[in-house]
N, C-alpha and C. Protein backbone atom coordinates (compact mmCIF):
# COMPACT_ATOMS: atom_id res chain seq x y z
N UNK A 1 0.85 -1.19 0.00
CA UNK A 1 0.00 0.00 0.00
C UNK A 1 0.88 1.25 0.00
N UNK A 2 0.48 2.26 -0.79
CA UNK A 2 1.25 3.50 -0.81
C UNK A 2 1.17 4.23 0.52
N UNK A 3 2.16 5.06 0.79
CA UNK A 3 2.17 5.90 1.98
C UNK A 3 2.19 7.36 1.59
N UNK A 4 1.53 8.18 2.41
CA UNK A 4 1.61 9.63 2.27
C UNK A 4 2.40 10.12 3.48
N UNK A 5 3.45 10.85 3.22
CA UNK A 5 4.21 11.49 4.29
C UNK A 5 3.80 12.95 4.30
N UNK A 6 3.14 13.36 5.37
CA UNK A 6 2.75 14.76 5.56
C UNK A 6 3.91 15.44 6.28
N UNK A 7 4.82 16.00 5.51
CA UNK A 7 6.06 16.53 6.06
C UNK A 7 5.84 17.64 7.09
N UNK A 8 4.91 18.53 6.83
CA UNK A 8 4.67 19.66 7.72
C UNK A 8 4.13 19.21 9.07
N UNK A 9 3.22 18.25 9.08
CA UNK A 9 2.64 17.78 10.35
C UNK A 9 3.39 16.60 10.95
N UNK A 10 4.31 16.01 10.17
CA UNK A 10 5.09 14.90 10.68
C UNK A 10 4.36 13.57 10.75
N UNK A 11 3.30 13.43 9.99
CA UNK A 11 2.49 12.22 10.03
C UNK A 11 2.69 11.41 8.75
N UNK A 12 2.70 10.09 8.88
CA UNK A 12 2.77 9.18 7.74
C UNK A 12 1.57 8.25 7.80
N UNK A 13 0.90 8.09 6.65
CA UNK A 13 -0.33 7.31 6.60
C UNK A 13 -0.26 6.37 5.40
N UNK A 14 -0.57 5.10 5.60
CA UNK A 14 -0.71 4.16 4.49
C UNK A 14 -2.12 4.29 3.93
N UNK A 15 -2.22 4.28 2.61
CA UNK A 15 -3.51 4.48 1.95
C UNK A 15 -3.73 3.44 0.86
N UNK A 16 -4.98 3.26 0.51
CA UNK A 16 -5.32 2.41 -0.63
C UNK A 16 -5.01 3.18 -1.92
N UNK A 17 -4.76 2.45 -2.98
CA UNK A 17 -4.57 3.09 -4.28
C UNK A 17 -5.81 3.88 -4.64
N UNK A 18 -5.63 5.02 -5.28
CA UNK A 18 -6.69 5.94 -5.70
C UNK A 18 -7.31 6.71 -4.55
N UNK A 19 -6.64 6.78 -3.40
CA UNK A 19 -7.12 7.58 -2.28
C UNK A 19 -6.95 9.06 -2.59
N UNK A 20 -7.92 9.85 -2.18
CA UNK A 20 -7.86 11.30 -2.35
C UNK A 20 -6.98 11.88 -1.25
N UNK A 21 -6.09 12.77 -1.62
CA UNK A 21 -5.12 13.33 -0.67
C UNK A 21 -5.79 14.12 0.45
N UNK A 22 -6.74 14.98 0.13
CA UNK A 22 -7.40 15.78 1.17
C UNK A 22 -8.27 14.91 2.07
N UNK A 23 -9.08 14.04 1.49
CA UNK A 23 -9.94 13.19 2.31
C UNK A 23 -9.13 12.31 3.25
N UNK A 24 -8.00 11.82 2.78
CA UNK A 24 -7.12 11.03 3.64
C UNK A 24 -6.58 11.88 4.78
N UNK A 25 -6.18 13.10 4.47
CA UNK A 25 -5.67 14.00 5.50
C UNK A 25 -6.73 14.29 6.56
N UNK A 26 -7.96 14.52 6.13
CA UNK A 26 -9.05 14.80 7.07
C UNK A 26 -9.32 13.56 7.93
N UNK A 27 -9.45 12.42 7.30
CA UNK A 27 -9.81 11.19 8.02
C UNK A 27 -8.74 10.77 9.03
N UNK A 28 -7.46 10.94 8.68
CA UNK A 28 -6.38 10.45 9.53
C UNK A 28 -5.55 11.57 10.16
N UNK A 29 -6.11 12.78 10.17
CA UNK A 29 -5.49 13.93 10.83
C UNK A 29 -4.08 14.24 10.32
N UNK A 30 -3.98 14.29 8.99
CA UNK A 30 -2.72 14.68 8.36
C UNK A 30 -2.48 16.17 8.43
N UNK A 31 -3.54 16.94 8.70
CA UNK A 31 -3.48 18.39 8.95
C UNK A 31 -3.31 19.27 7.72
N UNK A 32 -3.59 18.76 6.52
CA UNK A 32 -3.59 19.64 5.35
C UNK A 32 -4.69 20.67 5.56
N UNK A 33 -4.36 21.97 5.46
CA UNK A 33 -5.39 22.99 5.65
C UNK A 33 -6.40 22.98 4.50
N UNK A 34 -7.64 23.31 4.80
CA UNK A 34 -8.66 23.37 3.75
C UNK A 34 -9.86 24.17 4.25
N UNK A 35 -10.64 24.65 3.31
CA UNK A 35 -11.90 25.33 3.61
C UNK A 35 -13.06 24.64 2.90
N UNK A 36 -13.00 24.53 1.57
CA UNK A 36 -14.18 24.06 0.83
C UNK A 36 -14.11 22.59 0.45
N UNK A 37 -12.96 22.06 0.12
CA UNK A 37 -12.83 20.67 -0.30
C UNK A 37 -13.28 20.38 -1.71
N UNK A 38 -13.58 21.42 -2.51
CA UNK A 38 -14.09 21.19 -3.85
C UNK A 38 -13.35 21.89 -4.97
N UNK A 39 -12.15 22.39 -4.70
CA UNK A 39 -11.37 23.05 -5.75
C UNK A 39 -11.74 24.49 -5.99
N UNK A 40 -12.55 25.08 -5.13
CA UNK A 40 -12.98 26.47 -5.30
C UNK A 40 -12.01 27.45 -4.62
N UNK A 41 -11.63 27.14 -3.38
CA UNK A 41 -10.92 28.14 -2.57
C UNK A 41 -9.41 28.11 -2.70
N UNK A 42 -8.80 26.98 -2.91
CA UNK A 42 -7.35 26.90 -3.04
C UNK A 42 -6.57 26.75 -1.74
N UNK A 43 -7.24 26.65 -0.61
CA UNK A 43 -6.51 26.58 0.66
C UNK A 43 -5.84 25.23 0.89
N UNK A 44 -6.21 24.21 0.17
CA UNK A 44 -5.57 22.90 0.35
C UNK A 44 -4.35 22.75 -0.54
N UNK A 45 -3.76 23.86 -0.92
CA UNK A 45 -2.56 23.85 -1.76
C UNK A 45 -1.42 23.21 -0.99
N UNK A 46 -0.83 22.19 -1.59
CA UNK A 46 0.33 21.51 -1.02
C UNK A 46 1.43 21.44 -2.07
N UNK A 47 2.66 21.33 -1.58
CA UNK A 47 3.80 21.15 -2.48
C UNK A 47 4.16 19.67 -2.45
N UNK A 48 4.24 19.06 -3.62
CA UNK A 48 4.63 17.66 -3.70
C UNK A 48 6.16 17.62 -3.65
N UNK A 49 6.67 17.15 -2.54
CA UNK A 49 8.11 17.09 -2.31
C UNK A 49 8.71 15.91 -3.06
N UNK A 50 8.00 14.79 -3.06
CA UNK A 50 8.49 13.58 -3.70
C UNK A 50 7.29 12.73 -4.13
N UNK A 51 7.42 12.07 -5.27
CA UNK A 51 6.39 11.14 -5.71
C UNK A 51 5.41 11.70 -6.73
N UNK A 52 5.78 12.74 -7.46
CA UNK A 52 4.89 13.32 -8.48
C UNK A 52 4.32 12.26 -9.42
N UNK A 53 5.17 11.30 -9.76
CA UNK A 53 4.78 10.27 -10.72
C UNK A 53 3.72 9.32 -10.17
N UNK A 54 3.46 9.40 -8.87
CA UNK A 54 2.49 8.51 -8.23
C UNK A 54 1.14 9.17 -8.01
N UNK A 55 0.90 10.27 -8.72
CA UNK A 55 -0.33 11.05 -8.53
C UNK A 55 -1.16 11.10 -9.80
N UNK A 56 -2.44 11.38 -9.62
CA UNK A 56 -3.36 11.56 -10.74
C UNK A 56 -2.92 12.77 -11.57
N UNK A 57 -3.47 12.86 -12.78
CA UNK A 57 -3.12 13.98 -13.65
C UNK A 57 -3.65 15.29 -13.05
N UNK A 58 -3.03 16.37 -13.43
CA UNK A 58 -3.42 17.71 -12.95
C UNK A 58 -4.77 18.07 -13.55
N UNK A 59 -5.68 18.51 -12.68
CA UNK A 59 -7.04 18.84 -13.09
C UNK A 59 -7.15 20.32 -13.49
N UNK A 60 -8.16 20.63 -14.30
CA UNK A 60 -8.39 22.01 -14.75
C UNK A 60 -8.57 22.96 -13.56
N UNK A 61 -9.28 22.52 -12.51
CA UNK A 61 -9.47 23.37 -11.34
C UNK A 61 -8.14 23.75 -10.70
N UNK A 62 -7.16 22.84 -10.75
CA UNK A 62 -5.86 23.14 -10.18
C UNK A 62 -5.15 24.22 -10.98
N UNK A 63 -5.21 24.10 -12.29
CA UNK A 63 -4.59 25.11 -13.15
C UNK A 63 -5.28 26.46 -12.95
N UNK A 64 -6.61 26.46 -12.86
CA UNK A 64 -7.36 27.70 -12.64
C UNK A 64 -6.99 28.36 -11.32
N UNK A 65 -6.85 27.58 -10.26
CA UNK A 65 -6.60 28.13 -8.93
C UNK A 65 -5.12 28.44 -8.68
N UNK A 66 -4.24 27.57 -9.18
CA UNK A 66 -2.82 27.70 -8.86
C UNK A 66 -2.03 28.41 -9.94
N UNK A 67 -2.43 28.24 -11.18
CA UNK A 67 -1.66 28.79 -12.30
C UNK A 67 -0.52 27.85 -12.67
N UNK A 68 -0.05 27.98 -13.88
CA UNK A 68 1.00 27.10 -14.39
C UNK A 68 2.31 27.24 -13.65
N UNK A 69 2.63 28.44 -13.18
CA UNK A 69 3.89 28.64 -12.46
C UNK A 69 3.94 27.79 -11.19
N UNK A 70 2.88 27.84 -10.39
CA UNK A 70 2.83 27.05 -9.15
C UNK A 70 2.78 25.55 -9.46
N UNK A 71 2.03 25.17 -10.49
CA UNK A 71 1.98 23.76 -10.90
C UNK A 71 3.40 23.29 -11.24
N UNK A 72 4.12 24.09 -12.01
CA UNK A 72 5.48 23.73 -12.41
C UNK A 72 6.44 23.68 -11.22
N UNK A 73 6.11 24.39 -10.14
CA UNK A 73 6.92 24.36 -8.92
C UNK A 73 6.57 23.16 -8.03
N UNK A 74 5.59 22.36 -8.46
CA UNK A 74 5.24 21.14 -7.74
C UNK A 74 4.03 21.26 -6.82
N UNK A 75 3.27 22.34 -6.95
CA UNK A 75 2.09 22.52 -6.11
C UNK A 75 0.88 21.82 -6.72
N UNK A 76 0.02 21.31 -5.85
CA UNK A 76 -1.24 20.68 -6.24
C UNK A 76 -2.32 21.08 -5.24
N UNK A 77 -3.58 20.91 -5.62
CA UNK A 77 -4.68 21.04 -4.68
C UNK A 77 -4.96 19.65 -4.13
N UNK A 78 -4.89 19.50 -2.82
CA UNK A 78 -5.08 18.18 -2.21
C UNK A 78 -6.45 17.61 -2.52
N UNK A 79 -7.47 18.47 -2.64
CA UNK A 79 -8.82 17.98 -2.90
C UNK A 79 -8.99 17.40 -4.30
N UNK A 80 -8.09 17.73 -5.21
CA UNK A 80 -8.19 17.28 -6.59
C UNK A 80 -7.16 16.20 -6.93
N UNK A 81 -6.38 15.78 -5.93
CA UNK A 81 -5.24 14.90 -6.17
C UNK A 81 -5.49 13.51 -5.58
N UNK A 82 -5.20 12.49 -6.38
CA UNK A 82 -5.36 11.10 -5.97
C UNK A 82 -4.02 10.38 -6.08
N UNK A 83 -3.77 9.46 -5.15
CA UNK A 83 -2.55 8.68 -5.15
C UNK A 83 -2.80 7.46 -6.04
N UNK A 84 -2.06 7.35 -7.13
CA UNK A 84 -2.33 6.30 -8.10
C UNK A 84 -1.49 5.05 -7.93
N UNK A 85 -0.28 5.17 -7.34
CA UNK A 85 0.53 3.96 -7.26
C UNK A 85 1.44 3.93 -6.04
N UNK A 86 2.44 4.77 -5.93
CA UNK A 86 3.44 4.64 -4.88
C UNK A 86 3.39 5.76 -3.85
N UNK A 87 4.46 5.83 -3.06
CA UNK A 87 4.56 6.77 -1.95
C UNK A 87 4.70 8.21 -2.44
N UNK A 88 4.19 9.15 -1.62
CA UNK A 88 4.36 10.57 -1.89
C UNK A 88 4.71 11.29 -0.58
N UNK A 89 5.35 12.43 -0.74
CA UNK A 89 5.63 13.33 0.38
C UNK A 89 5.08 14.69 0.03
N UNK A 90 4.29 15.27 0.95
CA UNK A 90 3.70 16.59 0.72
C UNK A 90 4.06 17.52 1.87
N UNK A 91 4.05 18.82 1.55
CA UNK A 91 4.32 19.85 2.56
C UNK A 91 3.49 21.08 2.23
N UNK A 92 3.31 21.93 3.22
CA UNK A 92 2.61 23.20 3.01
C UNK A 92 3.23 24.22 3.96
N UNK A 93 3.07 25.48 3.62
CA UNK A 93 3.67 26.57 4.39
C UNK A 93 2.67 27.11 5.38
N UNK A 94 2.98 27.00 6.65
CA UNK A 94 2.10 27.52 7.70
C UNK A 94 1.92 29.03 7.58
N UNK A 95 2.99 29.74 7.18
CA UNK A 95 2.90 31.20 7.11
C UNK A 95 1.97 31.70 6.02
N UNK A 96 1.68 30.87 5.03
CA UNK A 96 0.75 31.25 3.96
C UNK A 96 -0.71 31.15 4.39
N UNK A 97 -0.99 30.49 5.50
CA UNK A 97 -2.36 30.14 5.83
C UNK A 97 -3.30 31.32 6.03
N UNK A 98 -2.86 32.36 6.70
CA UNK A 98 -3.75 33.51 6.91
C UNK A 98 -4.14 34.14 5.58
N UNK A 99 -3.17 34.33 4.70
CA UNK A 99 -3.43 34.90 3.38
C UNK A 99 -4.36 33.99 2.58
N UNK A 100 -4.10 32.69 2.59
CA UNK A 100 -4.94 31.76 1.84
C UNK A 100 -6.35 31.70 2.40
N UNK A 101 -6.48 31.79 3.71
CA UNK A 101 -7.82 31.78 4.30
C UNK A 101 -8.64 32.98 3.85
N UNK A 102 -8.04 34.15 3.74
CA UNK A 102 -8.75 35.34 3.28
C UNK A 102 -9.18 35.18 1.82
N UNK A 103 -8.27 34.68 1.00
CA UNK A 103 -8.59 34.45 -0.41
C UNK A 103 -9.72 33.42 -0.52
N UNK A 104 -9.63 32.36 0.26
CA UNK A 104 -10.64 31.31 0.21
C UNK A 104 -12.01 31.84 0.56
N UNK A 105 -12.09 32.64 1.59
CA UNK A 105 -13.38 33.17 2.01
C UNK A 105 -14.00 34.03 0.91
N UNK A 106 -13.17 34.85 0.25
CA UNK A 106 -13.68 35.67 -0.87
C UNK A 106 -14.19 34.78 -2.00
N UNK A 107 -13.46 33.72 -2.34
CA UNK A 107 -13.87 32.83 -3.43
C UNK A 107 -15.15 32.08 -3.09
N UNK A 108 -15.25 31.61 -1.86
CA UNK A 108 -16.45 30.90 -1.44
C UNK A 108 -17.66 31.84 -1.45
N UNK A 109 -17.47 33.06 -0.97
CA UNK A 109 -18.56 34.03 -0.98
C UNK A 109 -19.00 34.34 -2.40
N UNK A 110 -18.03 34.50 -3.32
CA UNK A 110 -18.35 34.81 -4.71
C UNK A 110 -19.09 33.63 -5.37
N UNK A 111 -18.67 32.40 -5.06
CA UNK A 111 -19.31 31.23 -5.65
C UNK A 111 -20.74 31.04 -5.15
N UNK A 112 -21.01 31.50 -3.95
CA UNK A 112 -22.36 31.36 -3.38
C UNK A 112 -23.30 32.49 -3.77
N UNK A 113 -22.78 33.50 -4.42
CA UNK A 113 -23.64 34.66 -4.83
C UNK A 113 -24.09 34.55 -6.25
């Protein structure tokens, strides 16, 4: 079974193939930050440290929210990312959280109007 190493929180979790990264984090307390869980807000942005080849293809919502520059730097949205085969390591920046939370709230409010 593949493992997810949540580098920022220091947790490692074994998962079934095709497990969603955000749902796994929520269920097993991996601590990936999130607000909406649906690709709208962007707060579940994580950097894939290792194991890019073991992930699902990049989704349109990820490109829309992150942009090609961040995608090329190894960032993904945890809510849109699935583990397809082997181990991965992810990290996120705690200092970005306040800024991302403000952006997320604006996006969620706009989507609901």
